[in-house]
Amino acid sequence: MWRLFTGGIKVIIAIAALTTAANWIALREKDRAPGPALAAAADPATTGTIAPRRADAAPARLDQRGLGRLMSEASGEPRRR
């Protein structure tokens, strides 16, 4: 009778330990999941986004000489022509 009683207690403790471990793992996985988006719509006041350019506007011209000049000024190298 005593062996049955202590065996039952061991089984109850084992089930409680396994249940606690499973709940702890589930909580850790829940914390890893990405949270919901704070702003579903692009609101410039809250997200800091800039309004898109119009399609009919002329594209910006990329000047390689100007870029080279900026890079040489930033690195401290003498200016080349």
N, C-alpha and C. Protein backbone atom coordinates (compact mmCIF):
# COMPACT_ATOMS: atom_id res chain seq x y z
N MET A 1 0.82 -1.19 0.00
CA MET A 1 0.00 0.00 0.00
C MET A 1 0.86 1.25 0.00
N TRP A 2 1.91 1.21 0.84
CA TRP A 2 2.81 2.36 0.92
C TRP A 2 3.50 2.60 -0.42
N ARG A 3 3.91 1.53 -1.10
CA ARG A 3 4.58 1.65 -2.40
C ARG A 3 3.64 2.26 -3.43
N LEU A 4 2.38 1.92 -3.42
CA LEU A 4 1.39 2.48 -4.32
C LEU A 4 1.19 3.97 -4.03
N PHE A 5 1.17 4.34 -2.77
CA PHE A 5 0.99 5.74 -2.36
C PHE A 5 2.17 6.59 -2.80
N THR A 6 3.40 6.14 -2.52
CA THR A 6 4.58 6.92 -2.92
C THR A 6 4.74 6.94 -4.44
N GLY A 7 4.38 5.87 -5.10
CA GLY A 7 4.42 5.84 -6.56
C GLY A 7 3.44 6.84 -7.16
N GLY A 8 2.26 6.96 -6.58
CA GLY A 8 1.27 7.93 -7.04
C GLY A 8 1.75 9.36 -6.86
N ILE A 9 2.40 9.60 -5.72
CA ILE A 9 2.94 10.95 -5.47
C ILE A 9 4.03 11.27 -6.49
N LYS A 10 4.88 10.32 -6.80
CA LYS A 10 5.93 10.54 -7.80
C LYS A 10 5.33 10.83 -9.17
N VAL A 11 4.27 10.13 -9.51
CA VAL A 11 3.62 10.37 -10.80
C VAL A 11 3.01 11.77 -10.84
N ILE A 12 2.38 12.19 -9.78
CA ILE A 12 1.77 13.53 -9.71
C ILE A 12 2.85 14.60 -9.82
N ILE A 13 3.97 14.42 -9.13
CA ILE A 13 5.06 15.40 -9.21
C ILE A 13 5.65 15.43 -10.61
N ALA A 14 5.80 14.27 -11.25
CA ALA A 14 6.33 14.23 -12.61
C ALA A 14 5.40 14.93 -13.60
N ILE A 15 4.10 14.71 -13.47
CA ILE A 15 3.14 15.38 -14.35
C ILE A 15 3.16 16.89 -14.12
N ALA A 16 3.24 17.31 -12.87
CA ALA A 16 3.30 18.74 -12.58
C ALA A 16 4.57 19.37 -13.16
N ALA A 17 5.69 18.66 -13.05
CA ALA A 17 6.94 19.18 -13.60
C ALA A 17 6.88 19.29 -15.12
N LEU A 18 6.34 18.29 -15.79
CA LEU A 18 6.22 18.32 -17.24
C LEU A 18 5.27 19.42 -17.71
N THR A 19 4.17 19.60 -17.00
CA THR A 19 3.21 20.64 -17.35
C THR A 19 3.83 22.02 -17.18
N THR A 20 4.56 22.21 -16.08
CA THR A 20 5.22 23.49 -15.84
C THR A 20 6.26 23.77 -16.92
N ALA A 21 7.03 22.77 -17.30
CA ALA A 21 8.04 22.95 -18.34
C ALA A 21 7.38 23.28 -19.68
N ALA A 22 6.29 22.61 -20.00
CA ALA A 22 5.60 22.89 -21.26
C ALA A 22 5.04 24.31 -21.28
N ASN A 23 4.47 24.75 -20.18
CA ASN A 23 3.95 26.12 -20.11
C ASN A 23 5.07 27.14 -20.20
N TRP A 24 6.19 26.87 -19.57
CA TRP A 24 7.33 27.79 -19.61
C TRP A 24 7.87 27.92 -21.04
N ILE A 25 7.97 26.79 -21.75
CA ILE A 25 8.44 26.82 -23.14
C ILE A 25 7.44 27.57 -24.02
N ALA A 26 6.15 27.37 -23.79
CA ALA A 26 5.13 28.06 -24.58
C ALA A 26 5.21 29.56 -24.36
N LEU A 27 5.45 29.98 -23.15
CA LEU A 27 5.58 31.42 -22.87
C LEU A 27 6.81 32.01 -23.54
N ARG A 28 7.91 31.27 -23.56
CA ARG A 28 9.12 31.76 -24.22
C ARG A 28 8.90 31.89 -25.72
N GLU A 29 8.19 30.93 -26.32
CA GLU A 29 7.91 31.00 -27.75
C GLU A 29 6.96 32.16 -28.06
N LYS A 30 6.04 32.42 -27.16
CA LYS A 30 5.09 33.52 -27.36
C LYS A 30 5.82 34.86 -27.33
N ASP A 31 6.84 35.00 -26.49
CA ASP A 31 7.61 36.24 -26.42
C ASP A 31 8.45 36.45 -27.67
N ARG A 32 8.85 35.37 -28.34
CA ARG A 32 9.66 35.49 -29.54
C ARG A 32 8.86 35.91 -30.76
N ALA A 33 7.56 35.69 -30.73
CA ALA A 33 6.72 36.01 -31.89
C ALA A 33 6.70 37.53 -32.10
N PRO A 34 6.72 37.98 -33.35
CA PRO A 34 6.67 39.42 -33.60
C PRO A 34 5.34 40.00 -33.15
N GLY A 35 5.39 41.19 -32.63
CA GLY A 35 4.19 41.85 -32.16
C GLY A 35 3.37 42.40 -33.32
N PRO A 36 2.17 42.80 -33.05
CA PRO A 36 1.34 43.37 -34.12
C PRO A 36 1.89 44.71 -34.56
N ALA A 37 1.60 45.08 -35.79
CA ALA A 37 2.06 46.36 -36.32
C ALA A 37 1.38 47.49 -35.57
N LEU A 38 2.16 48.50 -35.24
CA LEU A 38 1.62 49.63 -34.51
C LEU A 38 0.78 50.54 -35.40
N ALA A 39 1.22 50.73 -36.63
CA ALA A 39 0.49 51.60 -37.54
C ALA A 39 0.23 50.81 -38.83
N ALA A 40 -1.01 50.50 -39.08
CA ALA A 40 -1.34 49.73 -40.27
C ALA A 40 -1.23 50.60 -41.52
N ALA A 41 -1.65 51.85 -41.43
CA ALA A 41 -1.57 52.77 -42.57
C ALA A 41 -0.34 53.65 -42.40
N ALA A 42 0.24 54.07 -43.52
CA ALA A 42 1.42 54.93 -43.46
C ALA A 42 0.99 56.35 -43.10
N ASP A 43 1.08 56.67 -41.84
CA ASP A 43 0.71 58.00 -41.36
C ASP A 43 2.00 58.78 -41.13
N PRO A 44 2.27 59.84 -41.91
CA PRO A 44 3.54 60.56 -41.78
C PRO A 44 3.79 61.11 -40.38
N ALA A 45 2.75 61.49 -39.68
CA ALA A 45 2.96 62.06 -38.35
C ALA A 45 3.48 61.03 -37.35
N THR A 46 3.07 59.78 -37.49
CA THR A 46 3.49 58.76 -36.52
C THR A 46 4.63 57.89 -37.02
N THR A 47 4.71 57.65 -38.34
CA THR A 47 5.74 56.75 -38.85
C THR A 47 6.95 57.48 -39.39
N GLY A 48 6.84 58.77 -39.67
CA GLY A 48 7.97 59.52 -40.20
C GLY A 48 8.18 59.28 -41.68
N THR A 49 7.19 58.77 -42.39
CA THR A 49 7.35 58.52 -43.82
C THR A 49 7.20 59.82 -44.60
N ILE A 50 7.76 59.80 -45.78
CA ILE A 50 7.70 60.96 -46.67
C ILE A 50 6.74 60.62 -47.80
N ALA A 51 5.98 61.59 -48.21
CA ALA A 51 5.03 61.37 -49.30
C ALA A 51 5.78 60.99 -50.58
N PRO A 52 5.29 60.02 -51.35
CA PRO A 52 5.98 59.62 -52.58
C PRO A 52 5.95 60.72 -53.62
N ARG A 53 6.96 60.68 -54.50
CA ARG A 53 7.03 61.68 -55.57
C ARG A 53 5.98 61.38 -56.63
N ARG A 54 5.62 62.41 -57.34
CA ARG A 54 4.70 62.21 -58.46
C ARG A 54 5.44 61.55 -59.60
N ALA A 55 4.72 60.76 -60.37
CA ALA A 55 5.34 60.02 -61.47
C ALA A 55 5.76 60.94 -62.60
N ASP A 56 5.09 62.08 -62.77
CA ASP A 56 5.43 62.97 -63.88
C ASP A 56 6.59 63.90 -63.55
N ALA A 57 7.09 63.90 -62.32
CA ALA A 57 8.22 64.75 -61.95
C ALA A 57 9.50 64.19 -62.58
N ALA A 58 10.41 65.07 -62.94
CA ALA A 58 11.67 64.65 -63.56
C ALA A 58 12.55 63.95 -62.52
N PRO A 59 13.19 62.86 -62.89
CA PRO A 59 14.06 62.18 -61.93
C PRO A 59 15.30 63.00 -61.62
N ALA A 60 15.87 62.79 -60.47
CA ALA A 60 17.07 63.52 -60.08
C ALA A 60 18.24 63.05 -60.94
N ARG A 61 19.09 64.00 -61.31
CA ARG A 61 20.26 63.66 -62.11
C ARG A 61 21.39 63.27 -61.17
N LEU A 62 22.01 62.16 -61.47
CA LEU A 62 23.12 61.69 -60.65
C LEU A 62 24.42 62.13 -61.31
N ASP A 63 25.20 62.92 -60.60
CA ASP A 63 26.44 63.46 -61.12
C ASP A 63 27.60 62.74 -60.44
N GLN A 64 28.38 61.99 -61.22
CA GLN A 64 29.49 61.24 -60.65
C GLN A 64 30.60 62.17 -60.16
N ARG A 65 30.77 63.29 -60.81
CA ARG A 65 31.82 64.22 -60.36
C ARG A 65 31.47 64.79 -58.99
N GLY A 66 30.19 65.13 -58.79
CA GLY A 66 29.78 65.65 -57.50
C GLY A 66 29.92 64.61 -56.41
N LEU A 67 29.61 63.38 -56.74
CA LEU A 67 29.76 62.30 -55.77
C LEU A 67 31.23 62.08 -55.42
N GLY A 68 32.08 62.12 -56.44
CA GLY A 68 33.52 61.96 -56.19
C GLY A 68 34.07 63.09 -55.34
N ARG A 69 33.58 64.30 -55.58
CA ARG A 69 34.03 65.45 -54.80
C ARG A 69 33.60 65.30 -53.34
N LEU A 70 32.36 64.86 -53.11
CA LEU A 70 31.91 64.66 -51.74
C LEU A 70 32.73 63.58 -51.03
N MET A 71 33.03 62.51 -51.75
CA MET A 71 33.80 61.42 -51.14
C MET A 71 35.22 61.85 -50.84
N SER A 72 35.82 62.62 -51.74
CA SER A 72 37.19 63.06 -51.50
C SER A 72 37.25 64.06 -50.35
N GLU A 73 36.24 64.92 -50.22
CA GLU A 73 36.21 65.85 -49.10
C GLU A 73 36.02 65.10 -47.78
N ALA A 74 35.22 64.06 -47.79
CA ALA A 74 34.97 63.30 -46.57
C ALA A 74 36.20 62.51 -46.15
N SER A 75 36.97 62.01 -47.12
CA SER A 75 38.13 61.20 -46.77
C SER A 75 39.38 62.02 -46.54
N GLY A 76 39.37 63.30 -46.91
CA GLY A 76 40.52 64.17 -46.69
C GLY A 76 41.53 64.10 -47.82
N GLU A 77 41.22 63.43 -48.92
CA GLU A 77 42.12 63.35 -50.04
C GLU A 77 42.08 64.68 -50.82
N PRO A 78 43.18 65.02 -51.51
CA PRO A 78 43.15 66.24 -52.34
C PRO A 78 42.17 66.06 -53.48
N ARG A 79 41.61 67.17 -53.93
CA ARG A 79 40.60 67.12 -54.99
C ARG A 79 41.25 66.86 -56.35
N ARG A 80 40.68 65.91 -57.09
CA ARG A 80 41.15 65.61 -58.44
C ARG A 80 40.17 66.20 -59.42
N ARG A 81 40.68 66.52 -60.62
CA ARG A 81 39.81 67.07 -61.64
C ARG A 81 39.52 66.07 -62.70
